[in-house]
Amino acid sequence: MIAEAKAVSKLNLYLKVTARRPDRYHDLETLFLPLGYPADRITIDFDAAPGIRLSSSLAGLPENLENLAGRAALAYADAAGISPTWSIHIEKQIPVAAGMGGGSADAGTVLSLLSAHYGRVAHDDLAALALTLGADVPYFLSPRAATATGVGDRIAPIEGILTVPLLLVVNPHFPVSAKWAYTNLDRSRIGEDSEQRLPRLIAALRAGDAESVARLLHNDLAFALYEKFPMLRQLREFMNANGALNSQITGSGPTMFAICRTQEERTRLAARLRETFSSETITVFEEIPTGILEISR
C-alpha cells in the first residue's frame, strides 16, 4: 500500500522571545500561519524491503536516518512496536534551513501518515513523540493558524474566522541555522511584549484588516539577521518601497514575506523582485493561497 500527503510550510507572523531557559533554550510566543505553497509531497510505500529508506528530489538533502523525517519514522516504529518495511520519498519544494519549517513539516507529516495507517500510538503520545524530534514538529501533526508558547510546543489553534492577507514569500539562497539566530539574539529584547501586539494581530486577522496585520508583524530574531546579512535589510527596504504594506523575516530566517494590499500590487512586486535580483540569488513564491480560514476545536 502507498499513501501520500502534502507537508505544508509555515510563516511566523509574530515571534517574541519571552525568556531564556535554564536548559539554554528559549521560551517564546509566536503565531504560526500554515501555507499550502510552497509545500513538500511525502509518499510512503508500506510494503517495501525491510527497514526504512528515505530519498528526496533535492540533491544533497540528507537521506535515510540522517534525515529528520527518517528519524521520525524510526521513532514511530519503536513506539508502535513495528518492524518497518517502509520506503519514504520527499518531493521537495520548501526551502531548506529557511525558517519555513521544512524539515519539521516532513517529519510531522510522516508521523501523521504512519499514525493514520497503523493507529497504534495515541494522539497525546504522538505529540510527545514529535516533540522529541524538534520543538515545532508537533505543530505539523495538524497545521493550522495557531499561537504557540513554551519552546513552540504548546499550541493553541486560533478559533473563529480569519482572513489571510495577500502574501508574497522570498527565499534568499543561503541557509541560516536556528541555533545561530537564537545565539545571536540581543538579550535586551527578551521579555514580555508591553505593546500586546499578538492579541491585536489576531483581532486584525479576524477583521480582515491587512494594513493592521502588516503594521503588527514582529520577529525578535530578525534584528540580528538584518545586521549579519545586509541583503535581508536590502530586500525588506526594496519590498516596502515597491508596494508591500510591510515585510518581515519568518522564524529564524532567512526567508522573508511581504503583505500586499491588492493582487495587482503583489504581481507587480513579484515582477520587480525578479527584475532586480537574479534567480541565482532569490526564489519568489507568488501564488500563496489567501482568503478565509475557519477554525473550530
Protein backbone atom coordinates (compact mmCIF):
# COMPACT_ATOMS: atom_id res chain seq x y z
CA MET A 1 0.00 0.00 0.00
CA ILE A 2 1.15 3.54 -0.80
CA ALA A 3 -0.01 6.71 0.97
CA GLU A 4 0.90 10.31 0.32
CA ALA A 5 0.22 13.73 1.80
CA LYS A 6 1.23 17.35 1.45
CA ALA A 7 3.70 18.71 4.01
CA VAL A 8 2.81 22.39 4.29
CA SER A 9 5.21 25.19 5.18
CA LYS A 10 4.59 27.94 7.73
CA LEU A 11 5.15 31.60 8.40
CA ASN A 12 5.64 33.24 11.78
CA LEU A 13 3.64 36.46 11.60
CA TYR A 14 4.78 37.20 15.14
CA LEU A 15 7.67 35.86 17.21
CA LYS A 16 8.54 37.20 20.66
CA VAL A 17 11.23 35.60 22.83
CA THR A 18 9.90 35.88 26.37
CA ALA A 19 12.59 34.14 28.48
CA ARG A 20 15.87 32.26 28.37
CA ARG A 21 15.50 28.84 29.98
CA PRO A 22 17.99 27.09 32.29
CA ASP A 23 18.46 24.43 29.59
CA ARG A 24 19.71 27.26 27.28
CA TYR A 25 16.63 27.06 25.09
CA HIS A 26 14.18 29.94 24.93
CA ASP A 27 10.53 30.39 25.75
CA LEU A 28 8.66 32.21 23.06
CA GLU A 29 5.27 33.41 21.93
CA THR A 30 4.53 33.06 18.24
CA LEU A 31 1.77 32.94 15.65
CA PHE A 32 2.01 30.17 13.07
CA LEU A 33 0.26 30.50 9.73
CA PRO A 34 0.31 27.37 7.52
CA LEU A 35 0.95 27.78 3.79
CA GLY A 36 -0.26 25.34 1.15
CA TYR A 37 2.52 26.67 -1.10
CA PRO A 38 5.41 26.10 -1.08
CA ALA A 39 4.83 22.58 0.23
CA ASP A 40 6.57 19.20 0.05
CA ARG A 41 4.90 15.96 -1.03
CA ILE A 42 5.52 12.88 1.16
CA THR A 43 4.96 9.38 -0.24
CA ILE A 44 5.26 6.21 1.86
CA ASP A 45 5.32 2.68 0.44
CA PHE A 46 4.40 0.48 3.40
CA ASP A 47 5.32 -2.78 1.64
CA ALA A 48 8.91 -2.20 0.58
CA ALA A 49 12.01 -4.11 1.69
CA PRO A 50 12.69 -4.49 5.44
CA GLY A 51 13.96 -1.33 7.12
CA ILE A 52 13.46 2.38 6.49
CA ARG A 53 14.73 4.04 3.35
CA LEU A 54 14.18 7.74 2.67
CA SER A 55 15.00 9.59 -0.53
CA SER A 56 14.24 13.05 -1.86
CA SER A 57 14.08 15.02 -5.08
CA LEU A 58 16.69 17.50 -3.80
CA ALA A 59 20.33 16.62 -4.39
CA GLY A 60 22.36 16.87 -1.22
CA LEU A 61 19.44 16.61 1.19
CA PRO A 62 20.22 14.05 3.94
CA GLU A 63 18.59 10.70 3.27
CA ASN A 64 17.56 7.60 5.25
CA LEU A 65 18.03 8.02 9.01
CA GLU A 66 20.18 11.12 8.55
CA ASN A 67 17.00 12.97 7.59
CA LEU A 68 14.67 14.16 10.36
CA ALA A 69 11.72 12.52 8.60
CA GLY A 70 13.58 9.21 8.56
CA ARG A 71 14.27 9.53 12.28
CA ALA A 72 10.57 10.29 12.80
CA ALA A 73 9.69 7.04 11.05
CA LEU A 74 12.12 5.10 13.23
CA ALA A 75 10.74 6.72 16.38
CA TYR A 76 7.21 5.73 15.36
CA ALA A 77 8.27 2.15 14.61
CA ASP A 78 9.87 1.86 18.05
CA ALA A 79 6.85 3.39 19.83
CA ALA A 80 4.36 1.22 17.94
CA GLY A 81 6.37 -2.00 18.11
CA ILE A 82 6.50 -2.34 14.32
CA SER A 83 9.22 -3.89 12.17
CA PRO A 84 9.17 -1.37 9.33
CA THR A 85 9.22 -2.14 5.62
CA TRP A 86 8.94 1.48 4.53
CA SER A 87 10.23 3.42 1.57
CA ILE A 88 9.68 7.17 2.00
CA HIS A 89 10.13 9.80 -0.71
CA ILE A 90 10.08 13.58 -0.28
CA GLU A 91 9.28 15.73 -3.30
CA LYS A 92 10.98 18.87 -2.03
CA GLN A 93 9.65 22.39 -2.59
CA ILE A 94 10.03 24.10 0.82
CA PRO A 95 13.43 25.82 1.02
CA VAL A 96 15.95 24.19 3.37
CA ALA A 97 17.11 25.91 6.59
CA ALA A 98 14.89 28.82 5.66
CA GLY A 99 12.62 29.46 8.67
CA MET A 100 9.59 27.87 6.99
CA GLY A 101 9.62 24.61 8.94
CA GLY A 102 10.50 22.32 6.03
CA GLY A 103 12.29 19.55 7.94
CA SER A 104 9.78 19.65 10.78
CA ALA A 105 6.90 19.63 8.29
CA ASP A 106 8.27 16.50 6.63
CA ALA A 107 8.76 14.77 9.98
CA GLY A 108 5.30 15.71 11.24
CA THR A 109 3.67 14.56 8.01
CA VAL A 110 5.49 11.21 8.13
CA LEU A 111 4.24 10.70 11.70
CA SER A 112 0.69 11.60 10.63
CA LEU A 113 0.76 9.18 7.69
CA LEU A 114 2.10 6.35 9.84
CA SER A 115 -0.45 7.09 12.55
CA ALA A 116 -3.31 7.09 10.05
CA HIS A 117 -2.14 3.76 8.63
CA TYR A 118 -1.44 1.87 11.86
CA GLY A 119 -3.32 3.74 14.60
CA ARG A 120 -1.13 2.26 17.33
CA VAL A 121 0.02 5.46 19.06
CA ALA A 122 -2.47 7.65 20.92
CA HIS A 123 -2.75 11.28 19.86
CA ASP A 124 -1.14 12.70 23.01
CA ASP A 125 1.67 10.15 22.80
CA LEU A 126 2.20 11.03 19.15
CA ALA A 127 2.57 14.72 20.07
CA ALA A 128 5.06 13.82 22.80
CA LEU A 129 6.97 11.69 20.31
CA ALA A 130 7.00 14.57 17.82
CA LEU A 131 8.45 16.91 20.46
CA THR A 132 11.46 14.62 20.93
CA LEU A 133 12.32 15.31 17.27
CA GLY A 134 12.08 19.11 17.40
CA ALA A 135 10.21 21.94 19.09
CA ASP A 136 7.89 22.70 16.18
CA VAL A 137 7.35 19.14 14.88
CA PRO A 138 4.13 18.78 16.97
CA TYR A 139 2.65 21.75 15.11
CA PHE A 140 2.92 19.92 11.80
CA LEU A 141 0.85 16.97 13.02
CA SER A 142 -2.20 19.18 12.43
CA PRO A 143 -1.05 22.51 10.97
CA ARG A 144 -3.48 25.40 11.24
CA ALA A 145 -3.41 29.03 12.27
CA ALA A 146 -2.33 28.86 15.89
CA THR A 147 -0.38 30.52 18.64
CA ALA A 148 2.43 28.64 20.36
CA THR A 149 4.25 29.18 23.62
CA GLY A 150 6.92 27.32 25.58
CA VAL A 151 9.65 26.32 23.13
CA GLY A 152 6.96 26.42 20.45
CA ASP A 153 5.37 23.15 21.53
CA ARG A 154 2.31 24.42 23.45
CA ILE A 155 -0.05 25.00 20.56
CA ALA A 156 -3.43 26.72 20.71
CA PRO A 157 -5.43 26.93 17.45
CA ILE A 158 -6.92 30.36 16.84
CA GLU A 159 -10.66 29.77 16.82
CA GLY A 160 -13.08 31.61 14.58
CA ILE A 161 -12.88 33.05 11.11
CA LEU A 162 -9.61 34.62 9.94
CA THR A 163 -8.84 36.40 6.70
CA VAL A 164 -5.34 35.70 5.40
CA PRO A 165 -3.95 38.77 3.60
CA LEU A 166 -2.22 38.70 0.22
CA LEU A 167 1.26 37.28 0.85
CA LEU A 168 4.43 37.04 -1.19
CA VAL A 169 7.38 34.93 0.00
CA VAL A 170 11.03 35.47 -0.95
CA ASN A 171 13.74 32.95 -0.16
CA PRO A 172 17.36 34.13 -0.41
CA HIS A 173 19.61 31.28 -1.47
CA PHE A 174 21.62 30.85 1.72
CA PRO A 175 20.79 28.90 4.89
CA VAL A 176 20.58 30.21 8.43
CA SER A 177 20.56 27.82 11.37
CA ALA A 178 18.05 28.36 14.16
CA LYS A 179 20.92 27.87 16.62
CA TRP A 180 22.78 30.85 15.11
CA ALA A 181 19.68 33.04 15.24
CA TYR A 182 18.98 32.32 18.91
CA THR A 183 22.65 32.50 19.92
CA ASN A 184 22.91 35.98 18.39
CA LEU A 185 19.62 37.28 19.78
CA ASP A 186 20.04 40.62 21.56
CA ARG A 187 19.27 39.68 25.18
CA SER A 188 17.81 43.12 25.84
CA ARG A 189 14.88 42.14 23.61
CA ILE A 190 13.96 39.12 25.73
CA GLY A 191 10.80 39.66 27.76
CA GLU A 192 7.05 40.14 27.58
CA ASP A 193 5.56 42.36 24.87
CA SER A 194 4.39 45.53 26.59
CA GLU A 195 2.58 46.58 23.40
CA GLN A 196 0.36 43.46 23.33
CA ARG A 197 0.88 43.05 19.61
CA LEU A 198 -0.18 39.41 19.43
CA PRO A 199 -3.83 39.84 20.52
CA ARG A 200 -4.06 42.92 18.31
CA LEU A 201 -2.67 40.92 15.39
CA ILE A 202 -5.24 38.15 15.91
CA ALA A 203 -8.01 40.76 16.05
CA ALA A 204 -6.74 42.25 12.77
CA LEU A 205 -6.78 38.81 11.10
CA ARG A 206 -10.34 38.30 12.30
CA ALA A 207 -11.34 41.72 10.95
CA GLY A 208 -9.62 41.14 7.59
CA ASP A 209 -7.59 44.32 8.19
CA ALA A 210 -4.46 43.74 6.08
CA GLU A 211 -2.93 47.13 6.94
CA SER A 212 -3.13 46.46 10.68
CA VAL A 213 -1.78 42.92 10.19
CA ALA A 214 1.17 44.39 8.28
CA ARG A 215 1.82 47.01 10.93
CA LEU A 216 1.84 44.42 13.73
CA LEU A 217 4.34 41.97 12.20
CA HIS A 218 7.19 41.30 14.63
CA ASN A 219 10.17 38.97 14.98
CA ASP A 220 12.74 39.32 17.78
CA LEU A 221 15.21 37.17 15.82
CA ALA A 222 15.13 39.47 12.80
CA PHE A 223 17.26 42.25 14.27
CA ALA A 224 20.46 40.15 14.41
CA LEU A 225 19.73 38.75 10.93
CA TYR A 226 19.45 42.23 9.41
CA GLU A 227 22.81 43.12 10.97
CA LYS A 228 24.60 39.94 9.86
CA PHE A 229 23.08 39.71 6.37
CA PRO A 230 22.73 43.15 4.72
CA MET A 231 20.91 41.57 1.79
CA LEU A 232 17.93 40.90 4.06
CA ARG A 233 17.68 44.55 5.01
CA GLN A 234 18.03 45.44 1.33
CA LEU A 235 15.20 43.06 0.42
CA ARG A 236 12.94 44.47 3.10
CA GLU A 237 13.57 48.05 2.06
CA PHE A 238 13.03 47.12 -1.59
CA MET A 239 9.72 45.36 -0.94
CA ASN A 240 8.40 48.12 1.30
CA ALA A 241 9.32 50.70 -1.37
CA ASN A 242 7.68 48.71 -4.17
CA GLY A 243 4.16 48.04 -2.99
CA ALA A 244 4.37 45.95 0.19
CA LEU A 245 2.42 47.20 3.18
CA ASN A 246 5.22 45.68 5.26
CA SER A 247 7.65 42.76 5.13
CA GLN A 248 9.44 40.65 7.72
CA ILE A 249 11.61 37.58 8.27
CA THR A 250 9.86 34.35 9.22
CA GLY A 251 11.20 32.23 12.07
CA SER A 252 14.99 32.09 12.18
CA GLY A 253 15.20 33.20 8.55
CA PRO A 254 16.39 33.98 6.05
CA THR A 255 13.07 33.64 4.18
CA MET A 256 11.09 36.88 4.07
CA PHE A 257 7.43 37.57 3.39
CA ALA A 258 5.52 40.66 2.33
CA ILE A 259 1.89 41.66 2.80
CA CYS A 260 0.29 43.36 -0.19
CA ARG A 261 -2.93 45.34 -0.47
CA THR A 262 -4.12 44.02 -3.85
CA GLN A 263 -3.43 41.17 -6.24
CA GLU A 264 -2.11 43.69 -8.79
CA GLU A 265 0.38 45.10 -6.28
CA ARG A 266 1.56 41.58 -5.39
CA THR A 267 2.05 40.70 -9.06
CA ARG A 268 3.93 43.94 -9.68
CA LEU A 269 6.16 43.44 -6.62
CA ALA A 270 7.00 39.88 -7.70
CA ALA A 271 7.95 41.15 -11.16
CA ARG A 272 10.14 43.91 -9.73
CA LEU A 273 11.93 41.45 -7.45
CA ARG A 274 12.67 39.13 -10.37
CA GLU A 275 13.91 42.04 -12.47
CA THR A 276 16.19 43.38 -9.74
CA PHE A 277 17.54 40.21 -8.11
CA SER A 278 18.83 37.24 -10.09
CA SER A 279 17.22 33.82 -9.97
CA GLU A 280 20.54 32.53 -8.57
CA THR A 281 20.08 34.89 -5.62
CA ILE A 282 16.41 34.55 -4.65
CA THR A 283 13.28 32.49 -5.33
CA VAL A 284 9.96 34.32 -5.31
CA PHE A 285 6.86 32.37 -4.27
CA GLU A 286 3.96 34.41 -5.56
CA GLU A 287 0.91 32.15 -5.66
CA ILE A 288 0.40 31.95 -1.90
CA PRO A 289 -3.15 30.82 -1.08
CA THR A 290 -5.11 33.50 0.77
CA GLY A 291 -8.65 34.09 1.91
CA ILE A 292 -10.88 32.81 4.70
CA LEU A 293 -9.77 30.32 7.34
CA GLU A 294 -12.37 28.96 9.74
CA ILE A 295 -11.10 27.02 12.74
CA SER A 296 -13.04 25.31 15.50
CA ARG A 297 -11.94 22.85 18.14
